[in-house]
Amino acid sequence: MNEQTIICGKCDSEIGSDSDYCPECGALFVNDVFCRRHKNDLASGVCVICGEPYCSGCLNSVNNIYLCHAHEEIEIFQGHAKIASGDNIYCRYLIGLLTENDFHPFLYNLMSSAHTPISLAGQSFNIFDVRGNNVNELKVMVPFDEFNEALKFLEELEESGEIDG
């Protein structure tokens, strides 16, 4: 069965032709959708994390992707949102738990070397720990549409004591 697709005019992603919005960037494809918070205002997009429509006053565009105010601080990367971070063992443990429960996580690894400075507030810095070793930042990422369920799943594991938060 071949599903017909369209190309999003905002981000050029290929999506199903029956979609009301682009799950990759939050662009709306239908008219007369109203803001979740301001019921009389037309929505200008959909938060890719919660899937709710919002007006321009309730949405922020982060890297050309719509996020509502509740989700604007979540780190995003190529259709995925950060759900956790930690050391290698902890992140791989979480990935195993998430995968076993039908989520689709991946491990984002930003390896920084002492020779690769980062820029922060106009200043350049090299990142390394107190021993002078390179910093290896690990993040567990899940697809946008799995974020809320995966977060709830991990919170339940924390409450039960199966994982540390």
C-alpha atoms as a PDB file:
ATOM      1  CA  MET A   1       0.000   0.000   0.000  1.00  0.00           C
ATOM      2  CA  ASN A   2       1.587   3.272  -1.166  1.00  0.00           C
ATOM      3  CA  GLU A   3       0.710   6.273   0.943  1.00  0.00           C
ATOM      4  CA  GLN A   4       0.559   9.517  -0.985  1.00  0.00           C
ATOM      5  CA  THR A   5       2.949  12.139   0.258  1.00  0.00           C
ATOM      6  CA  ILE A   6       3.416  15.879   0.066  1.00  0.00           C
ATOM      7  CA  ILE A   7       6.444  18.073   0.648  1.00  0.00           C
ATOM      8  CA  CYS A   8       6.238  20.575   3.502  1.00  0.00           C
ATOM      9  CA  GLY A   9       6.628  24.106   2.164  1.00  0.00           C
ATOM     10  CA  LYS A  10       8.444  25.195   5.329  1.00  0.00           C
ATOM     11  CA  CYS A  11      11.046  22.468   5.901  1.00  0.00           C
ATOM     12  CA  ASP A  12      10.902  20.333   2.715  1.00  0.00           C
ATOM     13  CA  SER A  13      10.121  17.139   4.670  1.00  0.00           C
ATOM     14  CA  GLU A  14       8.113  14.445   2.928  1.00  0.00           C
ATOM     15  CA  ILE A  15       4.972  13.601   4.888  1.00  0.00           C
ATOM     16  CA  GLY A  16       1.642  11.868   4.412  1.00  0.00           C
ATOM     17  CA  SER A  17      -0.826  13.844   2.306  1.00  0.00           C
ATOM     18  CA  ASP A  18      -3.541  13.386   4.942  1.00  0.00           C
ATOM     19  CA  SER A  19      -1.507  15.240   7.622  1.00  0.00           C
ATOM     20  CA  ASP A  20      -2.945  18.407   9.122  1.00  0.00           C
ATOM     21  CA  TYR A  21       0.544  19.652  10.026  1.00  0.00           C
ATOM     22  CA  CYS A  22       4.178  18.792   9.475  1.00  0.00           C
ATOM     23  CA  PRO A  23       5.482  16.641  12.346  1.00  0.00           C
ATOM     24  CA  GLU A  24       9.045  17.758  11.554  1.00  0.00           C
ATOM     25  CA  CYS A  25       8.616  21.544  11.818  1.00  0.00           C
ATOM     26  CA  GLY A  26       5.025  22.192  12.974  1.00  0.00           C
ATOM     27  CA  ALA A  27       3.779  24.019   9.855  1.00  0.00           C
ATOM     28  CA  LEU A  28      -0.029  23.921   9.574  1.00  0.00           C
ATOM     29  CA  PHE A  29      -1.656  22.638   6.374  1.00  0.00           C
ATOM     30  CA  VAL A  30      -5.283  23.327   7.303  1.00  0.00           C
ATOM     31  CA  ASN A  31      -7.229  26.523   7.893  1.00  0.00           C
ATOM     32  CA  ASP A  32      -9.481  27.488  10.765  1.00  0.00           C
ATOM     33  CA  VAL A  33      -7.375  25.899  13.492  1.00  0.00           C
ATOM     34  CA  PHE A  34      -7.392  27.902  16.691  1.00  0.00           C
ATOM     35  CA  CYS A  35      -4.778  28.405  19.395  1.00  0.00           C
ATOM     36  CA  ARG A  36      -5.023  26.031  22.327  1.00  0.00           C
ATOM     37  CA  ARG A  37      -4.597  28.906  24.823  1.00  0.00           C
ATOM     38  CA  HIS A  38      -6.284  31.773  22.958  1.00  0.00           C
ATOM     39  CA  LYS A  39      -9.465  30.181  21.634  1.00  0.00           C
ATOM     40  CA  ASN A  40     -10.331  33.145  19.362  1.00  0.00           C
ATOM     41  CA  ASP A  41      -6.889  33.419  17.723  1.00  0.00           C
ATOM     42  CA  LEU A  42      -5.964  31.405  14.655  1.00  0.00           C
ATOM     43  CA  ALA A  43      -3.062  29.038  15.162  1.00  0.00           C
ATOM     44  CA  SER A  44       0.077  29.778  13.204  1.00  0.00           C
ATOM     45  CA  GLY A  45       1.694  26.391  13.826  1.00  0.00           C
ATOM     46  CA  VAL A  46       1.829  23.267  15.947  1.00  0.00           C
ATOM     47  CA  CYS A  47       4.352  22.449  18.687  1.00  0.00           C
ATOM     48  CA  VAL A  48       6.271  19.416  17.409  1.00  0.00           C
ATOM     49  CA  ILE A  49       6.574  18.015  20.953  1.00  0.00           C
ATOM     50  CA  CYS A  50       2.971  18.140  22.180  1.00  0.00           C
ATOM     51  CA  GLY A  51       1.195  18.351  18.807  1.00  0.00           C
ATOM     52  CA  GLU A  52      -1.003  21.235  19.985  1.00  0.00           C
ATOM     53  CA  PRO A  53      -1.833  24.246  17.769  1.00  0.00           C
ATOM     54  CA  TYR A  54      -0.778  27.698  18.965  1.00  0.00           C
ATOM     55  CA  CYS A  55      -0.917  31.296  17.769  1.00  0.00           C
ATOM     56  CA  SER A  56       2.250  33.237  17.002  1.00  0.00           C
ATOM     57  CA  GLY A  57       2.312  34.643  20.549  1.00  0.00           C
ATOM     58  CA  CYS A  58       2.411  31.144  22.044  1.00  0.00           C
ATOM     59  CA  LEU A  59       4.983  29.602  19.695  1.00  0.00           C
ATOM     60  CA  ASN A  60       8.700  30.022  19.324  1.00  0.00           C
ATOM     61  CA  SER A  61      10.601  28.993  16.245  1.00  0.00           C
ATOM     62  CA  VAL A  62      13.790  27.172  17.232  1.00  0.00           C
ATOM     63  CA  ASN A  63      15.929  26.285  14.223  1.00  0.00           C
ATOM     64  CA  ASN A  64      12.794  26.820  12.096  1.00  0.00           C
ATOM     65  CA  ILE A  65      10.847  24.305  14.225  1.00  0.00           C
ATOM     66  CA  TYR A  66       7.786  25.337  16.232  1.00  0.00           C
ATOM     67  CA  LEU A  67       7.849  24.761  19.991  1.00  0.00           C
ATOM     68  CA  CYS A  68       5.286  26.026  22.500  1.00  0.00           C
ATOM     69  CA  HIS A  69       6.439  27.915  25.583  1.00  0.00           C
ATOM     70  CA  ALA A  70       6.205  24.752  27.702  1.00  0.00           C
ATOM     71  CA  HIS A  71       8.660  22.956  25.390  1.00  0.00           C
ATOM     72  CA  GLU A  72      10.891  25.756  24.094  1.00  0.00           C
ATOM     73  CA  GLU A  73      13.794  24.830  26.404  1.00  0.00           C
ATOM     74  CA  ILE A  74      13.979  21.205  25.235  1.00  0.00           C
ATOM     75  CA  GLU A  75      17.072  20.473  23.196  1.00  0.00           C
ATOM     76  CA  ILE A  76      16.192  19.295  19.698  1.00  0.00           C
ATOM     77  CA  PHE A  77      18.230  17.723  16.916  1.00  0.00           C
ATOM     78  CA  GLN A  78      17.074  16.343  13.568  1.00  0.00           C
ATOM     79  CA  GLY A  79      13.508  15.433  14.546  1.00  0.00           C
ATOM     80  CA  HIS A  80      14.459  14.283  18.049  1.00  0.00           C
ATOM     81  CA  ALA A  81      14.237  15.801  21.520  1.00  0.00           C
ATOM     82  CA  LYS A  82      16.567  15.286  24.479  1.00  0.00           C
ATOM     83  CA  ILE A  83      14.975  13.179  27.171  1.00  0.00           C
ATOM     84  CA  ALA A  84      18.005  12.526  29.385  1.00  0.00           C
ATOM     85  CA  SER A  85      21.759  12.884  29.631  1.00  0.00           C
ATOM     86  CA  GLY A  86      24.486  11.270  31.645  1.00  0.00           C
ATOM     87  CA  ASP A  87      27.454   8.979  31.446  1.00  0.00           C
ATOM     88  CA  ASN A  88      27.814   6.167  28.922  1.00  0.00           C
ATOM     89  CA  ILE A  89      26.484   3.388  31.180  1.00  0.00           C
ATOM     90  CA  TYR A  90      23.422   5.338  32.327  1.00  0.00           C
ATOM     91  CA  CYS A  91      22.507   6.523  28.814  1.00  0.00           C
ATOM     92  CA  ARG A  92      22.904   3.060  27.305  1.00  0.00           C
ATOM     93  CA  TYR A  93      20.781   1.604  30.125  1.00  0.00           C
ATOM     94  CA  LEU A  94      18.013   4.137  29.378  1.00  0.00           C
ATOM     95  CA  ILE A  95      18.236   3.394  25.656  1.00  0.00           C
ATOM     96  CA  GLY A  96      17.786  -0.310  26.419  1.00  0.00           C
ATOM     97  CA  LEU A  97      14.739   0.362  28.597  1.00  0.00           C
ATOM     98  CA  LEU A  98      13.198   2.701  26.060  1.00  0.00           C
ATOM     99  CA  THR A  99      13.834   0.324  23.153  1.00  0.00           C
ATOM    100  CA  GLU A 100      12.328  -2.621  25.066  1.00  0.00           C
ATOM    101  CA  ASN A 101       9.197  -0.524  25.515  1.00  0.00           C
ATOM    102  CA  ASP A 102       8.739   0.330  21.824  1.00  0.00           C
ATOM    103  CA  PHE A 103      10.370   3.754  21.833  1.00  0.00           C
ATOM    104  CA  HIS A 104      12.976   4.702  19.231  1.00  0.00           C
ATOM    105  CA  PRO A 105      15.810   6.427  21.111  1.00  0.00           C
ATOM    106  CA  PHE A 106      19.279   7.213  19.904  1.00  0.00           C
ATOM    107  CA  LEU A 107      22.437   8.269  21.674  1.00  0.00           C
ATOM    108  CA  TYR A 108      23.676  11.712  20.702  1.00  0.00           C
ATOM    109  CA  ASN A 109      27.374  11.995  21.392  1.00  0.00           C
ATOM    110  CA  LEU A 110      29.038  15.388  21.194  1.00  0.00           C
ATOM    111  CA  MET A 111      32.714  14.703  21.579  1.00  0.00           C
ATOM    112  CA  SER A 112      34.635  17.848  22.327  1.00  0.00           C
ATOM    113  CA  SER A 113      38.373  17.996  22.057  1.00  0.00           C
ATOM    114  CA  ALA A 114      40.730  20.466  23.646  1.00  0.00           C
ATOM    115  CA  HIS A 115      41.523  21.629  20.122  1.00  0.00           C
ATOM    116  CA  THR A 116      37.896  22.427  19.246  1.00  0.00           C
ATOM    117  CA  PRO A 117      36.760  25.563  21.060  1.00  0.00           C
ATOM    118  CA  ILE A 118      33.113  26.394  21.591  1.00  0.00           C
ATOM    119  CA  SER A 119      31.684  29.893  21.609  1.00  0.00           C
ATOM    120  CA  LEU A 120      29.657  31.156  24.547  1.00  0.00           C
ATOM    121  CA  ALA A 121      28.612  34.781  24.956  1.00  0.00           C
ATOM    122  CA  GLY A 122      31.184  35.853  22.384  1.00  0.00           C
ATOM    123  CA  GLN A 123      34.054  34.092  24.160  1.00  0.00           C
ATOM    124  CA  SER A 124      35.832  30.951  22.934  1.00  0.00           C
ATOM    125  CA  PHE A 125      36.391  28.105  25.385  1.00  0.00           C
ATOM    126  CA  ASN A 126      37.890  24.639  25.263  1.00  0.00           C
ATOM    127  CA  ILE A 127      35.867  22.064  27.178  1.00  0.00           C
ATOM    128  CA  PHE A 128      37.658  19.571  29.411  1.00  0.00           C
ATOM    129  CA  ASP A 129      37.245  18.196  32.897  1.00  0.00           C
ATOM    130  CA  VAL A 130      39.396  19.013  35.932  1.00  0.00           C
ATOM    131  CA  ARG A 131      41.984  16.417  34.861  1.00  0.00           C
ATOM    132  CA  GLY A 132      42.311  18.003  31.415  1.00  0.00           C
ATOM    133  CA  ASN A 133      40.458  15.173  29.626  1.00  0.00           C
ATOM    134  CA  ASN A 134      38.104  15.806  26.746  1.00  0.00           C
ATOM    135  CA  VAL A 135      34.441  16.113  27.621  1.00  0.00           C
ATOM    136  CA  ASN A 136      32.156  13.545  26.073  1.00  0.00           C
ATOM    137  CA  GLU A 137      28.577  14.789  26.317  1.00  0.00           C
ATOM    138  CA  LEU A 138      25.979  12.025  25.924  1.00  0.00           C
ATOM    139  CA  LYS A 139      22.276  12.678  25.414  1.00  0.00           C
ATOM    140  CA  VAL A 140      19.396  10.260  24.988  1.00  0.00           C
ATOM    141  CA  MET A 141      17.133  11.562  22.233  1.00  0.00           C
ATOM    142  CA  VAL A 142      13.684  10.344  21.140  1.00  0.00           C
ATOM    143  CA  PRO A 143      11.529  11.324  18.141  1.00  0.00           C
ATOM    144  CA  PHE A 144       9.378  14.393  18.735  1.00  0.00           C
ATOM    145  CA  ASP A 145       6.143  12.398  18.713  1.00  0.00           C
ATOM    146  CA  GLU A 146       7.439   9.998  21.392  1.00  0.00           C
ATOM    147  CA  PHE A 147       8.785  12.625  23.789  1.00  0.00           C
ATOM    148  CA  ASN A 148       5.804  12.997  26.139  1.00  0.00           C
ATOM    149  CA  GLU A 149       5.159   9.261  26.443  1.00  0.00           C
ATOM    150  CA  ALA A 150       8.862   8.485  26.896  1.00  0.00           C
ATOM    151  CA  LEU A 151       9.172  11.185  29.555  1.00  0.00           C
ATOM    152  CA  LYS A 152       6.172   9.773  31.420  1.00  0.00           C
ATOM    153  CA  PHE A 153       7.683   6.275  31.167  1.00  0.00           C
ATOM    154  CA  LEU A 154      11.018   7.452  32.627  1.00  0.00           C
ATOM    155  CA  GLU A 155       9.275   9.424  35.387  1.00  0.00           C
ATOM    156  CA  GLU A 156       7.361   6.282  36.398  1.00  0.00           C
ATOM    157  CA  LEU A 157      10.654   4.371  36.540  1.00  0.00           C
ATOM    158  CA  GLU A 158      12.135   7.100  38.742  1.00  0.00           C
ATOM    159  CA  GLU A 159       9.144   6.981  41.097  1.00  0.00           C
ATOM    160  CA  SER A 160       9.447   3.206  41.378  1.00  0.00           C
ATOM    161  CA  GLY A 161      13.167   3.528  42.137  1.00  0.00           C
ATOM    162  CA  GLU A 162      14.248   1.529  39.070  1.00  0.00           C
ATOM    163  CA  ILE A 163      16.321   4.466  37.797  1.00  0.00           C
ATOM    164  CA  ASP A 164      17.823   7.576  39.371  1.00  0.00           C
ATOM    165  CA  GLY A 165      16.694  10.916  37.993  1.00  0.00           C
END
